[in-house]
Protein backbone atom coordinates (compact mmCIF):
# COMPACT_ATOMS: atom_id res chain seq x y z
CA MET A 1 9.34 -3.06 -1.33
CA ARG A 2 7.27 -4.50 1.51
CA LEU A 3 7.16 -1.15 3.31
CA SER A 4 6.15 0.55 0.07
CA VAL A 5 3.17 -1.78 -0.26
CA ILE A 6 2.05 -1.26 3.37
CA ASP A 7 2.35 2.51 3.09
CA GLY A 8 0.50 2.39 -0.22
CA ILE A 9 -2.46 0.56 1.31
CA TYR A 10 -3.09 3.41 3.74
CA ALA A 11 -2.60 5.96 0.96
CA ARG A 12 -5.04 4.15 -1.31
CA ILE A 13 -7.74 3.91 1.36
CA TYR A 14 -7.31 7.61 2.11
CA ALA A 15 -7.46 8.67 -1.55
CA GLY A 16 -10.44 6.44 -2.28
CA LEU A 17 -12.46 8.10 0.46
CA CYS A 18 -11.63 11.78 0.36
CA MET A 19 -9.56 12.90 -2.61
CA ILE A 20 -10.61 14.30 -5.99
CA GLY A 21 -11.92 11.39 -8.04
CA SER A 22 -13.49 9.62 -5.07
CA GLY A 23 -17.16 8.68 -5.46
CA PHE A 24 -17.72 9.85 -1.89
CA VAL A 25 -16.45 13.33 -2.71
CA THR A 26 -18.77 13.32 -5.74
CA LYS A 27 -21.68 12.35 -3.50
CA PHE A 28 -20.78 15.07 -0.98
CA MET A 29 -20.66 17.67 -3.74
CA LEU A 30 -24.08 16.53 -4.98
CA LEU A 31 -25.48 16.98 -1.47
CA LEU A 32 -24.00 20.48 -1.42
CA GLY A 33 -25.89 21.23 -4.66
CA ALA A 34 -23.00 21.21 -7.14
CA SER A 35 -23.81 21.87 -10.82
CA PRO A 36 -22.20 20.32 -13.95
CA LEU A 37 -19.82 23.29 -14.05
CA HIS A 38 -18.78 22.63 -10.45
CA PHE A 39 -18.04 19.00 -11.30
CA SER A 40 -15.98 20.14 -14.28
CA LEU A 41 -14.03 22.40 -11.96
CA LEU A 42 -13.61 19.58 -9.45
CA SER A 43 -12.11 17.29 -12.05
CA ALA A 44 -10.05 20.10 -13.58
CA LEU A 45 -8.60 21.15 -10.23
CA GLY A 46 -7.22 17.65 -9.80
CA GLN A 47 -5.26 18.18 -12.98
CA VAL A 48 -4.25 21.77 -12.21
CA ALA A 49 -2.74 20.43 -9.00
CA THR A 50 -0.17 18.55 -11.08
CA LEU A 51 1.33 21.94 -11.98
CA SER A 52 2.90 21.91 -8.54
CA GLU A 53 4.76 18.64 -9.20
CA PRO A 54 7.92 20.32 -10.54
CA LEU A 55 8.16 22.16 -7.21
CA GLY A 56 9.34 18.84 -5.81
CA VAL A 57 12.60 19.39 -7.66
CA ALA A 58 12.96 22.86 -6.15
CA PHE A 59 12.39 21.51 -2.62
CA THR A 60 14.99 18.75 -2.99
CA HIS A 61 17.47 20.46 -5.31
CA ARG A 62 20.07 21.01 -2.59
CA LEU A 63 18.88 18.47 -0.03
CA PRO A 64 21.05 15.41 0.67
CA ARG A 65 17.89 13.36 1.43
CA ARG A 66 14.38 13.28 -0.02
CA LYS A 67 12.50 11.29 2.63
CA TRP A 68 11.43 13.94 5.12
CA ALA A 69 10.55 16.52 2.50
CA CYS A 70 8.21 13.94 0.95
CA VAL A 71 6.66 12.92 4.28
CA TRP A 72 5.98 16.40 5.65
CA ILE A 73 4.70 17.94 2.43
CA THR A 74 2.36 14.98 1.88
CA ALA A 75 1.19 15.20 5.50
CA ALA A 76 0.27 18.87 5.06
CA GLY A 77 -1.81 17.99 2.01
CA ARG A 78 -3.63 15.11 3.67
CA LEU A 79 -4.40 17.12 6.80
CA LEU A 80 -6.51 19.62 4.82
CA THR A 81 -9.17 17.07 3.83
CA MET A 82 -10.06 16.64 7.49
CA PHE A 83 -11.97 19.94 7.25
CA LEU A 84 -14.08 19.17 4.17
CA GLY A 85 -17.17 18.75 6.33
CA ALA A 86 -16.92 22.41 7.37
CA ALA A 87 -18.54 23.21 4.01
CA LEU A 88 -21.86 22.28 5.63
CA PHE A 89 -21.64 25.25 8.01
CA PHE A 90 -21.85 27.85 5.24
CA THR A 91 -25.23 29.56 5.01
CA LEU A 92 -24.89 29.93 1.26
CA LYS A 93 -24.53 26.58 -0.50
CA GLU A 94 -22.44 28.19 -3.23
CA ALA A 95 -19.91 29.37 -0.64
CA GLY A 96 -19.71 25.88 0.85
CA ILE A 97 -19.07 24.37 -2.57
CA TRP A 98 -16.23 26.81 -3.26
CA PHE A 99 -14.76 26.13 0.18
CA ALA A 100 -14.70 22.39 -0.53
CA LEU A 101 -13.21 22.93 -3.99
CA THR A 102 -10.47 25.13 -2.54
CA LEU A 103 -9.55 22.61 0.17
CA LEU A 104 -9.46 19.75 -2.33
CA PHE A 105 -7.26 21.75 -4.70
CA LEU A 106 -4.75 22.72 -2.00
CA ALA A 107 -4.67 19.15 -0.69
CA ALA A 108 -4.09 17.74 -4.18
CA SER A 109 -1.39 20.33 -4.95
CA LEU A 110 0.66 19.58 -1.84
CA GLN A 111 0.33 15.85 -2.39
CA ALA A 112 1.40 16.26 -6.01
CA VAL A 113 4.66 17.83 -4.77
CA GLY A 114 5.11 14.94 -2.34
CA GLY A 115 4.29 12.45 -5.10
CA ASN A 116 6.97 13.90 -7.36
CA ILE A 117 9.58 13.48 -4.63
CA TRP A 118 8.29 9.97 -3.94
CA ILE A 119 8.60 8.80 -7.56
CA ALA A 120 12.25 9.88 -7.67
CA TRP A 121 12.83 8.17 -4.33
CA MET A 122 11.25 4.91 -5.58
CA SER A 123 12.96 4.99 -8.98
CA ASP A 124 16.29 4.91 -7.14
CA LEU A 125 15.19 1.91 -5.07
CA ILE A 126 13.45 -0.25 -7.71
CA PRO A 127 15.61 -1.50 -10.61
CA LEU A 128 14.27 -0.69 -14.07
CA LYS A 129 14.20 -4.33 -15.18
CA ILE A 130 11.59 -5.28 -12.53
CA ARG A 131 9.84 -1.92 -12.15
CA GLY A 132 6.83 -2.87 -14.26
CA ARG A 133 6.21 -6.06 -12.29
CA PHE A 134 6.77 -4.36 -8.94
CA PHE A 135 4.32 -1.54 -9.59
CA SER A 136 1.76 -3.93 -11.06
CA ARG A 137 1.85 -6.17 -7.98
CA ARG A 138 1.83 -3.16 -5.65
CA ASN A 139 -1.16 -1.69 -7.50
CA GLN A 140 -3.02 -4.99 -7.26
CA ILE A 141 -2.71 -5.10 -3.48
CA LEU A 142 -3.54 -1.41 -3.06
CA LEU A 143 -6.59 -1.65 -5.28
CA LEU A 144 -7.95 -4.64 -3.39
CA ALA A 145 -7.54 -2.90 -0.02
CA GLY A 146 -9.12 0.33 -1.24
CA MET A 147 -11.97 -1.54 -2.89
CA VAL A 148 -12.91 -3.45 0.28
CA VAL A 149 -12.96 -0.31 2.43
CA SER A 150 -14.90 1.69 -0.17
CA TYR A 151 -17.45 -1.12 -0.41
CA VAL A 152 -18.09 -1.08 3.31
CA VAL A 153 -18.39 2.71 3.48
CA SER A 154 -20.69 2.82 0.44
CA ILE A 155 -23.08 0.42 2.18
CA TYR A 156 -23.38 2.80 5.10
CA VAL A 157 -23.77 5.83 2.83
CA ASP A 158 -26.69 4.13 1.09
CA MET A 159 -28.29 3.38 4.45
CA PHE A 160 -29.44 7.00 4.53
CA GLU A 161 -31.56 6.42 1.41
CA SER A 162 -34.20 3.97 0.27
CA THR A 163 -31.50 2.26 -1.84
CA GLY A 164 -30.27 0.74 1.43
CA GLY A 165 -32.90 -1.99 0.85
CA PHE A 166 -32.52 -5.25 2.73
CA LEU A 167 -29.30 -4.23 4.49
CA ARG A 168 -30.95 -1.06 5.76
CA ARG A 169 -33.79 -3.09 7.25
CA VAL A 170 -31.44 -5.60 8.88
CA LEU A 171 -28.68 -3.31 10.12
CA ILE A 172 -30.60 -0.12 10.86
CA GLU A 173 -34.31 -0.47 11.35
CA SER A 174 -34.08 -3.75 13.26
CA VAL A 175 -31.90 -2.12 15.94
CA GLY A 176 -33.86 1.13 16.13
CA LEU A 177 -31.41 3.44 14.36
CA GLY A 178 -33.80 4.45 11.59
CA LYS A 179 -34.24 7.95 13.05
CA TRP A 180 -30.55 8.66 12.60
CA PHE A 181 -30.17 7.10 9.15
CA VAL A 182 -32.31 9.64 7.30
CA PRO A 183 -31.31 11.61 4.17
CA GLN A 184 -30.77 14.84 6.16
CA ASN A 185 -27.88 13.22 8.06
CA GLN A 186 -26.09 11.75 5.06
CA ALA A 187 -23.84 14.76 4.52
CA THR A 188 -22.87 14.79 8.21
CA PHE A 189 -21.89 11.12 8.00
CA LEU A 190 -19.66 11.90 5.02
CA ALA A 191 -18.10 14.84 6.88
CA TRP A 192 -17.05 12.56 9.76
CA MET A 193 -15.93 9.93 7.28
CA PHE A 194 -13.51 12.49 5.79
CA VAL A 195 -12.05 13.03 9.28
CA GLY A 196 -11.52 9.30 9.79
CA ALA A 197 -10.02 8.82 6.34
CA THR A 198 -7.60 11.68 6.92
CA LEU A 199 -6.39 10.09 10.15
CA ILE A 200 -5.84 6.83 8.26
CA GLY A 201 -3.83 8.68 5.62
CA LEU A 202 -1.69 10.44 8.22
CA TYR A 203 -0.98 7.17 10.01
CA GLY A 204 0.17 5.69 6.71
CA LEU A 205 2.87 8.35 6.54
CA THR A 206 4.44 6.94 9.69
CA ILE A 207 4.97 3.75 7.68
CA LEU A 208 6.37 5.73 4.76
CA ALA A 209 8.86 7.37 7.14
CA LYS A 210 10.37 3.90 7.78
CA GLN A 211 11.07 3.42 4.08
CA PRO A 212 14.84 3.27 3.44
CA GLU A 213 16.44 5.74 1.08
CA ARG A 214 19.37 4.99 -1.17
CA PRO A 215 22.12 7.60 -0.67
CA LEU A 216 22.07 10.13 -3.49
CA LYS A 217 25.00 10.04 -5.85
CA LYS A 218 27.13 13.13 -5.64
CA VAL A 219 26.42 14.87 -8.93
CA ALA A 220 27.40 18.44 -9.63
CA LYS A 221 24.16 20.39 -9.74
CA GLY A 222 23.86 23.55 -11.73
CA ARG A 223 21.34 26.30 -11.47
CA LEU A 224 17.76 25.31 -10.73
CA ARG A 225 16.64 27.09 -13.90
CA ASP A 226 18.89 24.81 -15.95
CA GLU A 227 17.40 21.77 -14.23
CA TYR A 228 13.94 22.81 -15.42
CA SER A 229 14.98 23.69 -18.96
CA GLN A 230 17.16 20.65 -19.70
CA PRO A 231 14.29 18.17 -20.45
CA PHE A 232 12.93 20.47 -23.16
CA THR A 233 16.22 20.18 -25.07
CA ASP A 234 15.58 16.43 -25.36
CA ALA A 235 13.80 15.81 -28.68
CA ASN A 236 12.34 12.49 -27.56
CA PHE A 237 10.95 14.02 -24.38
CA ARG A 238 9.26 16.70 -26.49
CA ARG A 239 7.67 13.98 -28.63
CA LEU A 240 6.47 12.16 -25.51
CA LEU A 241 5.12 15.46 -24.18
CA VAL A 242 3.08 16.03 -27.35
CA PHE A 243 1.58 12.59 -26.92
CA GLY A 244 0.88 13.24 -23.22
CA ILE A 245 -0.86 16.53 -23.99
CA TRP A 246 -3.00 14.93 -26.71
CA TRP A 247 -3.93 11.91 -24.58
CA MET A 248 -4.85 13.99 -21.53
CA LEU A 249 -6.88 16.42 -23.62
CA ALA A 250 -8.84 13.44 -24.93
CA THR A 251 -9.38 11.75 -21.55
CA GLY A 252 -10.40 15.05 -19.98
CA VAL A 253 -13.45 15.32 -22.24
CA GLY A 254 -16.35 14.24 -20.06
CA SER A 255 -14.13 13.06 -17.20
CA ALA A 256 -16.16 15.06 -14.66
CA PHE A 257 -19.49 13.46 -15.57
CA TRP A 258 -19.10 9.68 -15.17
CA GLY A 259 -20.03 9.60 -11.47
CA PRO A 260 -22.75 12.29 -11.58
CA PHE A 261 -24.27 10.62 -14.67
CA MET A 262 -24.59 7.31 -12.79
CA LEU A 263 -26.07 8.95 -9.70
CA LYS A 264 -28.43 11.42 -11.35
CA ASN A 265 -29.23 10.25 -14.87
CA LEU A 266 -29.17 6.49 -14.32
CA GLY A 267 -30.48 6.54 -10.74
CA MET A 268 -27.69 4.29 -9.41
CA GLY A 269 -27.02 4.45 -5.66
CA MET A 270 -23.58 4.37 -4.07
CA PHE A 271 -23.80 0.59 -3.65
CA ARG A 272 -24.46 0.00 -7.35
CA MET A 273 -21.70 2.45 -8.19
CA GLN A 274 -19.48 0.35 -5.97
CA ILE A 275 -20.45 -2.77 -7.93
CA TYR A 276 -19.26 -0.98 -11.05
CA SER A 277 -16.06 0.01 -9.25
CA THR A 278 -15.61 -3.57 -8.04
CA LEU A 279 -15.83 -5.01 -11.55
CA HIS A 280 -13.45 -2.28 -12.68
CA GLY A 281 -11.12 -3.11 -9.79
CA VAL A 282 -11.25 -6.89 -10.22
CA ALA A 283 -10.39 -6.51 -13.89
CA SER A 284 -7.46 -4.32 -12.89
CA LEU A 285 -6.34 -6.85 -10.27
CA PHE A 286 -6.21 -9.70 -12.75
CA SER A 287 -4.71 -7.67 -15.58
CA TRP A 288 -2.02 -5.79 -13.64
CA LEU A 289 0.25 -8.78 -13.28
CA TYR A 290 0.02 -9.45 -17.01
CA TRP A 291 0.54 -5.77 -17.84
CA GLY A 292 3.64 -5.66 -15.63
CA LYS A 293 5.21 -8.56 -17.53
CA PHE A 294 4.04 -7.11 -20.84
CA VAL A 295 5.63 -3.71 -20.14
CA ASP A 296 8.93 -5.23 -19.03
CA ARG A 297 9.05 -7.47 -22.11
CA PHE A 298 7.55 -5.39 -24.93
CA GLY A 299 7.84 -1.79 -23.73
CA ASN A 300 5.59 1.09 -22.74
CA LYS A 301 4.84 2.25 -26.27
CA THR A 302 3.25 -1.02 -27.35
CA THR A 303 1.32 -1.25 -24.08
CA MET A 304 -0.02 2.26 -24.56
CA THR A 305 -1.15 1.46 -28.10
CA ILE A 306 -3.40 -1.29 -26.77
CA CYS A 307 -4.68 0.99 -24.00
CA ILE A 308 -5.63 3.69 -26.51
CA ILE A 309 -7.61 1.22 -28.62
CA LEU A 310 -9.52 0.00 -25.57
CA GLY A 311 -9.77 3.50 -24.12
CA GLY A 312 -11.61 4.84 -27.15
CA LEU A 313 -14.04 1.93 -26.98
CA ASN A 314 -15.08 2.49 -23.35
CA PRO A 315 -17.07 5.76 -23.77
CA MET A 316 -19.03 4.23 -26.65
CA PHE A 317 -20.75 1.81 -24.25
CA TRP A 318 -22.22 4.77 -22.39
CA LEU A 319 -24.13 5.87 -25.48
CA PHE A 320 -26.50 2.89 -25.08
CA VAL A 321 -27.40 3.07 -21.38
CA SER A 322 -30.59 4.31 -19.74
CA PRO A 323 -32.15 4.20 -16.24
CA ALA A 324 -34.06 1.08 -17.26
CA ASN A 325 -31.04 -0.69 -18.74
CA TYR A 326 -27.50 -0.01 -17.63
CA ASN A 327 -26.32 -3.64 -17.41
CA ILE A 328 -23.99 -3.02 -20.34
CA LEU A 329 -21.86 -0.96 -17.95
CA TRP A 330 -20.77 -4.15 -16.17
CA LEU A 331 -18.99 -5.24 -19.35
CA GLU A 332 -17.62 -1.73 -19.85
CA ALA A 333 -16.26 -1.79 -16.28
CA VAL A 334 -14.22 -4.91 -17.05
CA ILE A 335 -12.76 -3.46 -20.25
CA SER A 336 -12.17 -0.10 -18.58
CA GLY A 337 -10.46 -1.68 -15.57
CA THR A 338 -8.16 -3.65 -17.84
CA MET A 339 -7.31 -0.58 -19.90
CA TRP A 340 -6.68 1.82 -16.99
CA ALA A 341 -4.48 -0.73 -15.23
CA GLY A 342 -2.19 -0.76 -18.24
CA ASN A 343 -2.40 3.01 -18.58
CA ALA A 344 -1.43 3.48 -14.91
CA LEU A 345 1.73 1.44 -15.41
CA VAL A 346 2.66 3.29 -18.58
CA THR A 347 2.01 6.67 -16.96
CA THR A 348 4.50 5.78 -14.23
CA ASN A 349 7.10 4.03 -16.38
CA PHE A 350 7.10 5.71 -19.79
CA VAL A 351 8.66 9.01 -18.79
CA LEU A 352 11.08 7.20 -16.44
CA SER A 353 12.27 5.02 -19.32
CA VAL A 354 12.83 8.08 -21.51
CA ALA A 355 14.60 10.14 -18.83
CA PRO A 356 18.41 9.94 -18.43
CA GLN A 357 19.71 8.40 -15.22
CA GLY A 358 19.41 10.87 -12.34
CA LYS A 359 16.88 13.06 -14.17
CA GLN A 360 13.74 11.02 -13.54
CA GLN A 361 12.31 13.46 -10.98
CA ILE A 362 12.40 16.58 -13.16
CA TYR A 363 11.29 14.69 -16.28
CA SER A 364 8.37 13.13 -14.43
CA GLY A 365 7.37 16.39 -12.75
CA LEU A 366 7.35 18.45 -15.94
CA TYR A 367 5.57 15.76 -17.94
CA ASN A 368 2.80 15.32 -15.37
CA ALA A 369 2.40 19.08 -14.93
CA VAL A 370 2.01 19.84 -18.64
CA ALA A 371 -0.18 16.80 -19.29
CA GLY A 372 -2.32 17.64 -16.26
CA VAL A 373 -2.98 21.17 -17.46
CA SER A 374 -4.06 19.72 -20.81
CA MET A 375 -6.65 17.53 -19.12
CA MET A 376 -7.77 20.49 -17.03
CA CYS A 377 -8.47 22.51 -20.18
CA SER A 378 -10.64 19.87 -21.83
CA THR A 379 -12.41 19.09 -18.56
CA LEU A 380 -13.31 22.74 -18.04
CA LEU A 381 -14.38 23.16 -21.64
CA SER A 382 -16.67 20.14 -21.26
CA GLY A 383 -18.52 21.98 -18.50
CA ILE A 384 -18.46 25.44 -20.07
CA PHE A 385 -19.65 24.25 -23.47
CA PHE A 386 -22.00 21.63 -22.07
CA PRO A 387 -23.94 20.47 -25.15
CA ALA A 388 -27.68 20.08 -25.56
CA PRO A 389 -29.22 16.60 -25.93
CA LEU A 390 -28.87 15.21 -29.42
CA ASP A 391 -30.93 12.88 -31.63
CA ILE A 392 -28.69 10.94 -34.01
CA LEU A 393 -29.45 7.87 -36.15
CA GLY A 394 -32.78 7.47 -34.38
CA LYS A 395 -31.23 7.46 -30.90
CA HIS A 396 -31.67 10.16 -28.26
CA LEU A 397 -28.44 11.05 -26.48
CA GLN A 398 -28.40 13.03 -23.26
CA SER A 399 -25.94 15.89 -22.96
CA GLU A 400 -23.37 13.83 -21.06
CA GLN A 401 -23.58 11.06 -23.64
CA VAL A 402 -22.76 13.50 -26.43
CA VAL A 403 -19.62 14.49 -24.50
CA PHE A 404 -18.69 10.84 -23.90
CA GLY A 405 -18.92 10.04 -27.62
CA ILE A 406 -16.70 12.95 -28.59
CA GLY A 407 -14.18 11.91 -25.95
CA GLY A 408 -14.00 8.37 -27.30
CA LEU A 409 -13.18 9.56 -30.83
CA LEU A 410 -10.50 11.89 -29.50
CA ARG A 411 -8.90 9.06 -27.53
CA TRP A 412 -8.45 6.97 -30.67
CA SER A 413 -6.79 9.92 -32.41
CA THR A 414 -3.89 9.88 -29.92
CA LEU A 415 -2.38 6.94 -31.80
CA ILE A 416 -1.01 9.59 -34.18
CA PRO A 417 1.50 11.31 -31.84
CA LEU A 418 2.42 8.03 -30.13
CA VAL A 419 3.95 6.75 -33.38
CA PHE A 420 6.74 9.33 -33.18
CA VAL A 421 7.90 8.56 -29.62
CA VAL A 422 11.14 6.55 -29.50
CA GLU A 423 11.65 3.96 -26.77
CA LYS A 424 14.59 1.63 -26.25
CA ASN A 425 13.73 -2.08 -26.36
CA HIS A 426 10.39 -1.28 -27.98
CA VAL A 427 8.75 -4.28 -29.66
CA PRO A 428 6.19 -3.52 -32.41
CA LEU A 429 2.57 -4.29 -31.55
CA ARG A 430 2.23 -7.00 -34.20
CA ASP A 431 5.25 -8.90 -32.86
CA ALA A 432 4.14 -8.43 -29.25
CA LEU A 433 0.65 -9.80 -29.97
CA ALA A 434 2.06 -12.72 -31.95
CA SER A 435 4.45 -13.57 -29.11
CA SER A 436 1.66 -13.30 -26.52
CA LEU A 437 -0.69 -15.52 -28.52
CA ARG A 438 2.08 -18.05 -29.02
CA TYR A 439 2.76 -18.07 -25.26
CA PHE A 440 -0.91 -18.62 -24.41
CA TRP A 441 -1.22 -21.37 -27.02
CA GLU A 442 1.82 -23.20 -25.70
CA TYR A 443 0.57 -22.76 -22.14
CA TRP A 444 -2.83 -24.14 -23.13
CA GLN A 445 -1.26 -27.10 -24.92
CA THR A 446 0.96 -27.89 -21.95
CA LYS A 447 -1.74 -27.38 -19.33
CA PHE A 448 -4.46 -29.45 -20.99
CA LYS A 449 -2.37 -31.94 -22.94
CA ARG A 450 -3.65 -35.45 -22.30
């Protein structure tokens, strides 16, 4: 468990700096001249990459060990991001953008295969009864490490712009480096940052290679085709898959526009974006431990119900922001961080709890692949059918805000398919909330009793 946490810190720092979803990749794409359609593709490619997850089963189907397949495949994926900066050498900006998108897609695809092997590896090591608490604590530590590094890097990225403010004057101009820290050099700085982050990620794999592996039980394995088809004969897995498709379709609506909207429409620099990410991260840090206990005690289904309710609320905050007033996003960041922390645990644990013993890898791979393609579809459609600004109830909504509002309504609708998923040891939401409130009341009475 300790090795898993150490390895995860390096992986989190790497992903936070140079993988799809990173604010620094978003900034780099903006500097390359990416359009809303390009950002839709960027977000969609991250989901398309999950299609390669089931290949993890094919790679390890006949192997007695999983470790080295996981390490080397992941290493190949991480190595590719070292060359993202080469996009700057293209004469045509469009060509550079497509080069970067291609590298990011290949890197994400290979790492998705490695991730599928890793989840099966970890599910054998971590007992089900403590899995929720283990992953919650692991995620807390990883998030904190990634947040600190991203904060530092974001300060330096903003040094190339006027948003560097006081820190720019103290750290740059006072020591005579102002000629280097100019907007024209910002993309070059990011290119070298991708190289450094890749080296960090590759070093982390040397830690992962020390992770022990439980010997695989000798189970008669049939044809690979049967391995892939078996989960679809499971009625409960099919119900979970319908939910996963619906949920990912909903969360994909507008998913490509959060970062660009903050940078372009609201005029927030990387540092202010990092403040948002920090509030999001701190909320996740504090809530993960509670979510871990909640999942282990009340089940994934009840946890996901709460996450859906909060998840539909988050986009609604964005309907009321403007360049002159985006302070409401600090509250949204807290709610969002709490919600996505719970969602991350459920995403990892739900399919593992539904899968029969020994079938976690194929169940997880197929679920993530199908759900990922669903999110890809809605993400792409958000960019292709990018709406015009809208005036509604006396309020002017920008195009991105229209998309955010639609996405929020769709998220709430996913409560419908979740009802039909069956989970062992599931506790109804009403009973779970009553038990939680009773626990907090008793704790309060004990703690502050005079």
